Amino acid sequence: RASGLNNNNNVTKDTSVYSSTPSSTTAIMSQEETATSIQQEDEITFLEDFIAGGLAGSASVIVGHPFDTVKVLLQTSSEGSKGILQSIGGVGGVSSLFRGMVAPLSMATVINA
């Protein structure tokens, strides 16, 4: 048995953990091989970087623009927050929070790439 009690009621060690652990020499070699493979995989092309930056910038604009729109409406209005929410609902609903987002969205890819 790998673990538990043997016939003499003595506790035996669980050897399944130790059998999968590499020796120190093997561990050093595998660390070097791992470092080499990581260095080879870490090379990111310009296109991948550009796409990742564009997606990150676009996501930040899509999430942040509605909040910025509400902030500007609150700063420029003499009505309270209840009046702002009613005016947003009357003008175009939730989609009105995304008006004017084309310019920041188009620049987000260039800036964050």
N, C-alpha and C. Protein backbone atom coordinates (compact mmCIF):
# COMPACT_ATOMS: atom_id res chain seq x y z
N ARG A 1 0.83 -1.20 0.00
CA ARG A 1 0.00 0.00 0.00
C ARG A 1 0.87 1.25 0.00
N ALA A 2 0.33 2.35 -0.58
CA ALA A 2 1.08 3.61 -0.60
C ALA A 2 0.99 4.32 0.73
N SER A 3 -0.13 4.24 1.39
CA SER A 3 -0.27 4.89 2.69
C SER A 3 -1.25 4.08 3.52
N GLY A 4 -1.29 4.37 4.80
CA GLY A 4 -2.22 3.67 5.67
C GLY A 4 -1.48 2.77 6.64
N LEU A 5 -2.15 1.71 7.04
CA LEU A 5 -1.57 0.78 8.00
C LEU A 5 -1.14 -0.48 7.28
N ASN A 6 0.03 -1.01 7.66
CA ASN A 6 0.43 -2.30 7.10
C ASN A 6 -0.02 -3.40 8.04
N ASN A 7 0.40 -4.60 7.79
CA ASN A 7 -0.04 -5.73 8.59
C ASN A 7 0.39 -5.63 10.05
N ASN A 8 1.47 -4.93 10.34
CA ASN A 8 1.96 -4.79 11.71
C ASN A 8 1.35 -3.59 12.42
N ASN A 9 0.32 -2.97 11.85
CA ASN A 9 -0.35 -1.79 12.39
C ASN A 9 0.59 -0.60 12.52
N ASN A 10 1.62 -0.54 11.68
CA ASN A 10 2.53 0.60 11.65
C ASN A 10 2.07 1.54 10.53
N VAL A 11 2.23 2.82 10.77
CA VAL A 11 1.86 3.81 9.76
C VAL A 11 2.97 3.88 8.73
N THR A 12 2.58 3.83 7.45
CA THR A 12 3.57 3.93 6.38
C THR A 12 3.47 5.30 5.74
N LYS A 13 4.54 5.72 5.09
CA LYS A 13 4.56 7.02 4.43
C LYS A 13 3.81 6.96 3.11
N ASP A 14 3.23 8.08 2.75
CA ASP A 14 2.61 8.21 1.44
C ASP A 14 3.71 8.54 0.45
N THR A 15 4.07 7.59 -0.38
CA THR A 15 5.19 7.77 -1.30
C THR A 15 4.76 8.36 -2.63
N SER A 16 3.47 8.57 -2.85
CA SER A 16 3.02 9.09 -4.14
C SER A 16 3.51 10.53 -4.36
N VAL A 17 3.63 11.30 -3.30
CA VAL A 17 4.10 12.67 -3.43
C VAL A 17 5.59 12.69 -3.75
N TYR A 18 6.35 11.83 -3.07
CA TYR A 18 7.79 11.81 -3.25
C TYR A 18 8.20 11.24 -4.60
N SER A 19 7.42 10.34 -5.14
CA SER A 19 7.80 9.73 -6.41
C SER A 19 7.66 10.71 -7.57
N SER A 20 6.77 11.69 -7.45
CA SER A 20 6.60 12.65 -8.54
C SER A 20 7.54 13.85 -8.42
N THR A 21 8.24 14.00 -7.30
CA THR A 21 9.16 15.12 -7.11
C THR A 21 10.48 14.80 -7.78
N PRO A 22 10.96 15.67 -8.69
CA PRO A 22 12.22 15.39 -9.37
C PRO A 22 13.41 15.59 -8.45
N SER A 23 14.52 14.97 -8.83
CA SER A 23 15.73 15.17 -8.05
C SER A 23 16.24 16.59 -8.27
N SER A 24 17.19 17.04 -7.44
CA SER A 24 17.68 18.42 -7.53
C SER A 24 18.36 18.69 -8.87
N THR A 25 19.07 17.72 -9.41
CA THR A 25 19.72 17.91 -10.70
C THR A 25 18.69 18.08 -11.80
N THR A 26 17.67 17.26 -11.77
CA THR A 26 16.61 17.35 -12.76
C THR A 26 15.85 18.67 -12.61
N ALA A 27 15.64 19.10 -11.36
CA ALA A 27 14.92 20.34 -11.12
C ALA A 27 15.69 21.53 -11.68
N ILE A 28 17.00 21.56 -11.53
CA ILE A 28 17.81 22.66 -12.05
C ILE A 28 17.76 22.67 -13.57
N MET A 29 17.88 21.52 -14.17
CA MET A 29 17.83 21.44 -15.62
C MET A 29 16.46 21.88 -16.13
N SER A 30 15.41 21.46 -15.46
CA SER A 30 14.08 21.83 -15.93
C SER A 30 13.83 23.33 -15.73
N GLN A 31 14.41 23.93 -14.70
CA GLN A 31 14.27 25.37 -14.51
C GLN A 31 14.97 26.13 -15.63
N GLU A 32 16.15 25.67 -16.03
CA GLU A 32 16.87 26.31 -17.13
C GLU A 32 16.10 26.16 -18.43
N GLU A 33 15.57 24.96 -18.65
CA GLU A 33 14.77 24.74 -19.86
C GLU A 33 13.51 25.59 -19.84
N THR A 34 12.92 25.72 -18.68
CA THR A 34 11.72 26.54 -18.55
C THR A 34 12.05 28.00 -18.81
N ALA A 35 13.16 28.50 -18.28
CA ALA A 35 13.56 29.89 -18.51
C ALA A 35 13.80 30.14 -19.99
N THR A 36 14.42 29.18 -20.67
CA THR A 36 14.66 29.33 -22.10
C THR A 36 13.36 29.36 -22.87
N SER A 37 12.44 28.47 -22.52
CA SER A 37 11.16 28.44 -23.25
C SER A 37 10.32 29.67 -22.95
N ILE A 38 10.42 30.21 -21.73
CA ILE A 38 9.68 31.43 -21.40
C ILE A 38 10.23 32.61 -22.19
N GLN A 39 11.56 32.68 -22.31
CA GLN A 39 12.15 33.78 -23.08
C GLN A 39 11.71 33.70 -24.54
N GLN A 40 11.59 32.51 -25.06
CA GLN A 40 11.17 32.36 -26.45
C GLN A 40 9.70 32.72 -26.61
N GLU A 41 8.85 32.42 -25.62
CA GLU A 41 7.43 32.69 -25.70
C GLU A 41 7.10 34.15 -25.38
N ASP A 42 7.98 34.87 -24.70
CA ASP A 42 7.71 36.24 -24.30
C ASP A 42 7.81 37.23 -25.44
N GLU A 43 8.33 36.84 -26.57
CA GLU A 43 8.44 37.76 -27.69
C GLU A 43 7.06 38.03 -28.28
N ILE A 44 6.62 39.27 -28.17
CA ILE A 44 5.31 39.67 -28.65
C ILE A 44 5.51 40.52 -29.90
N THR A 45 4.78 40.21 -30.92
CA THR A 45 4.92 40.95 -32.16
C THR A 45 4.23 42.31 -32.04
N PHE A 46 4.56 43.21 -32.95
CA PHE A 46 3.95 44.53 -32.95
C PHE A 46 2.44 44.44 -33.13
N LEU A 47 2.00 43.56 -34.00
CA LEU A 47 0.57 43.42 -34.26
C LEU A 47 -0.18 42.95 -33.02
N GLU A 48 0.39 41.97 -32.29
CA GLU A 48 -0.24 41.50 -31.06
C GLU A 48 -0.30 42.62 -30.02
N ASP A 49 0.77 43.39 -29.91
CA ASP A 49 0.81 44.50 -28.97
C ASP A 49 -0.21 45.57 -29.35
N PHE A 50 -0.31 45.85 -30.63
CA PHE A 50 -1.24 46.87 -31.11
C PHE A 50 -2.69 46.45 -30.86
N ILE A 51 -2.99 45.19 -31.12
CA ILE A 51 -4.35 44.68 -30.90
C ILE A 51 -4.69 44.67 -29.41
N ALA A 52 -3.76 44.23 -28.58
CA ALA A 52 -4.01 44.20 -27.13
C ALA A 52 -4.21 45.61 -26.58
N GLY A 53 -3.39 46.55 -27.02
CA GLY A 53 -3.55 47.94 -26.58
C GLY A 53 -4.86 48.53 -27.06
N GLY A 54 -5.22 48.22 -28.28
CA GLY A 54 -6.49 48.72 -28.81
C GLY A 54 -7.69 48.18 -28.06
N LEU A 55 -7.65 46.90 -27.73
CA LEU A 55 -8.76 46.31 -26.97
C LEU A 55 -8.84 46.88 -25.56
N ALA A 56 -7.69 47.06 -24.93
CA ALA A 56 -7.68 47.62 -23.58
C ALA A 56 -8.17 49.07 -23.58
N GLY A 57 -7.70 49.85 -24.54
CA GLY A 57 -8.14 51.24 -24.63
C GLY A 57 -9.62 51.35 -24.94
N SER A 58 -10.10 50.51 -25.85
CA SER A 58 -11.52 50.52 -26.20
C SER A 58 -12.38 50.14 -25.02
N ALA A 59 -11.95 49.13 -24.27
CA ALA A 59 -12.71 48.72 -23.09
C ALA A 59 -12.78 49.83 -22.05
N SER A 60 -11.68 50.54 -21.87
CA SER A 60 -11.69 51.63 -20.88
C SER A 60 -12.61 52.76 -21.31
N VAL A 61 -12.66 53.04 -22.60
CA VAL A 61 -13.55 54.10 -23.09
C VAL A 61 -15.00 53.66 -22.98
N ILE A 62 -15.29 52.43 -23.35
CA ILE A 62 -16.67 51.94 -23.31
C ILE A 62 -17.20 51.92 -21.88
N VAL A 63 -16.37 51.57 -20.92
CA VAL A 63 -16.80 51.55 -19.52
C VAL A 63 -16.84 52.95 -18.93
N GLY A 64 -15.86 53.77 -19.22
CA GLY A 64 -15.74 55.07 -18.56
C GLY A 64 -16.56 56.20 -19.16
N HIS A 65 -16.88 56.14 -20.45
CA HIS A 65 -17.56 57.25 -21.11
C HIS A 65 -18.94 57.56 -20.53
N PRO A 66 -19.78 56.57 -20.24
CA PRO A 66 -21.08 56.91 -19.63
C PRO A 66 -20.94 57.62 -18.29
N PHE A 67 -19.98 57.23 -17.49
CA PHE A 67 -19.77 57.90 -16.20
C PHE A 67 -19.30 59.34 -16.41
N ASP A 68 -18.45 59.55 -17.39
CA ASP A 68 -17.99 60.89 -17.70
C ASP A 68 -19.13 61.76 -18.20
N THR A 69 -20.02 61.19 -19.00
CA THR A 69 -21.17 61.93 -19.51
C THR A 69 -22.08 62.37 -18.36
N VAL A 70 -22.35 61.48 -17.44
CA VAL A 70 -23.19 61.83 -16.28
C VAL A 70 -22.50 62.89 -15.44
N LYS A 71 -21.20 62.79 -15.27
CA LYS A 71 -20.45 63.79 -14.49
C LYS A 71 -20.57 65.18 -15.11
N VAL A 72 -20.41 65.25 -16.42
CA VAL A 72 -20.50 66.54 -17.11
C VAL A 72 -21.92 67.10 -17.02
N LEU A 73 -22.92 66.23 -17.17
CA LEU A 73 -24.31 66.69 -17.04
C LEU A 73 -24.58 67.22 -15.64
N LEU A 74 -24.06 66.59 -14.63
CA LEU A 74 -24.24 67.06 -13.25
C LEU A 74 -23.53 68.39 -13.01
N GLN A 75 -22.35 68.56 -13.61
CA GLN A 75 -21.59 69.78 -13.41
C GLN A 75 -22.22 70.97 -14.12
N THR A 76 -22.85 70.75 -15.25
CA THR A 76 -23.36 71.87 -16.05
C THR A 76 -24.84 72.13 -15.83
N SER A 77 -25.51 71.30 -15.06
CA SER A 77 -26.94 71.46 -14.88
C SER A 77 -27.25 72.12 -13.54
N SER A 78 -28.34 72.89 -13.53
CA SER A 78 -28.79 73.49 -12.28
C SER A 78 -29.77 72.57 -11.56
N GLU A 79 -30.20 71.52 -12.26
CA GLU A 79 -31.11 70.54 -11.66
C GLU A 79 -30.33 69.60 -10.76
N GLY A 80 -31.04 68.87 -9.93
CA GLY A 80 -30.38 67.88 -9.10
C GLY A 80 -30.14 66.60 -9.87
N SER A 81 -29.65 65.61 -9.17
CA SER A 81 -29.36 64.34 -9.83
C SER A 81 -30.63 63.65 -10.33
N LYS A 82 -31.73 63.87 -9.64
CA LYS A 82 -32.99 63.27 -10.08
C LYS A 82 -33.43 63.86 -11.42
N GLY A 83 -33.24 65.15 -11.59
CA GLY A 83 -33.59 65.80 -12.85
C GLY A 83 -32.70 65.34 -14.00
N ILE A 84 -31.43 65.10 -13.71
CA ILE A 84 -30.50 64.61 -14.73
C ILE A 84 -30.92 63.24 -15.21
N LEU A 85 -31.25 62.35 -14.27
CA LEU A 85 -31.66 61.00 -14.66
C LEU A 85 -32.96 61.03 -15.47
N GLN A 86 -33.87 61.93 -15.14
CA GLN A 86 -35.11 62.04 -15.91
C GLN A 86 -34.82 62.58 -17.30
N SER A 87 -33.91 63.55 -17.41
CA SER A 87 -33.59 64.10 -18.73
C SER A 87 -32.87 63.08 -19.61
N ILE A 88 -32.05 62.25 -19.01
CA ILE A 88 -31.38 61.19 -19.78
C ILE A 88 -32.42 60.21 -20.29
N GLY A 89 -33.37 59.85 -19.45
CA GLY A 89 -34.43 58.92 -19.86
C GLY A 89 -35.32 59.51 -20.94
N GLY A 90 -35.56 60.82 -20.88
CA GLY A 90 -36.43 61.46 -21.86
C GLY A 90 -35.76 61.70 -23.19
N VAL A 91 -34.46 61.95 -23.20
CA VAL A 91 -33.75 62.29 -24.43
C VAL A 91 -33.52 61.06 -25.30
N GLY A 92 -33.02 60.00 -24.74
CA GLY A 92 -32.71 58.84 -25.56
C GLY A 92 -32.45 57.59 -24.77
N GLY A 93 -32.70 57.64 -23.51
CA GLY A 93 -32.46 56.47 -22.67
C GLY A 93 -30.99 56.24 -22.40
N VAL A 94 -30.67 55.03 -22.13
CA VAL A 94 -29.30 54.66 -21.78
C VAL A 94 -28.36 54.89 -22.96
N SER A 95 -28.85 54.75 -24.17
CA SER A 95 -27.99 54.94 -25.34
C SER A 95 -27.48 56.37 -25.46
N SER A 96 -28.19 57.33 -24.83
CA SER A 96 -27.71 58.71 -24.88
C SER A 96 -26.42 58.91 -24.08
N LEU A 97 -26.11 57.99 -23.17
CA LEU A 97 -24.87 58.07 -22.40
C LEU A 97 -23.65 57.78 -23.27
N PHE A 98 -23.87 57.15 -24.42
CA PHE A 98 -22.76 56.78 -25.30
C PHE A 98 -22.59 57.74 -26.47
N ARG A 99 -23.33 58.84 -26.49
CA ARG A 99 -23.16 59.82 -27.56
C ARG A 99 -21.80 60.49 -27.47
N GLY A 100 -21.21 60.74 -28.61
CA GLY A 100 -19.90 61.39 -28.64
C GLY A 100 -18.75 60.48 -28.29
N MET A 101 -18.97 59.20 -28.34
CA MET A 101 -17.92 58.26 -27.95
C MET A 101 -17.01 57.87 -29.11
N VAL A 102 -17.35 58.23 -30.33
CA VAL A 102 -16.57 57.80 -31.49
C VAL A 102 -15.15 58.36 -31.45
N ALA A 103 -15.00 59.64 -31.16
CA ALA A 103 -13.67 60.24 -31.15
C ALA A 103 -12.76 59.65 -30.08
N PRO A 104 -13.19 59.54 -28.81
CA PRO A 104 -12.31 58.92 -27.83
C PRO A 104 -12.04 57.44 -28.12
N LEU A 105 -13.02 56.77 -28.69
CA LEU A 105 -12.85 55.35 -28.99
C LEU A 105 -11.83 55.14 -30.10
N SER A 106 -11.85 56.01 -31.09
CA SER A 106 -10.89 55.88 -32.19
C SER A 106 -9.46 56.23 -31.75
N MET A 107 -9.32 57.13 -30.82
CA MET A 107 -7.99 57.49 -30.32
C MET A 107 -7.45 56.50 -29.29
N ALA A 108 -8.32 55.75 -28.67
CA ALA A 108 -7.89 54.82 -27.62
C ALA A 108 -6.94 53.75 -28.18
N THR A 109 -7.20 53.30 -29.40
CA THR A 109 -6.33 52.29 -29.99
C THR A 109 -4.94 52.84 -30.22
N VAL A 110 -4.86 54.05 -30.74
CA VAL A 110 -3.56 54.65 -31.05
C VAL A 110 -2.79 54.98 -29.78
N ILE A 111 -3.46 55.51 -28.80
CA ILE A 111 -2.80 55.94 -27.57
C ILE A 111 -2.30 54.76 -26.75
N ASN A 112 -3.09 53.69 -26.67
CA ASN A 112 -2.75 52.55 -25.80
C ASN A 112 -1.95 51.46 -26.48
N ALA A 113 -1.67 51.61 -27.75
CA ALA A 113 -0.93 50.54 -28.46
C ALA A 113 0.55 50.58 -28.15
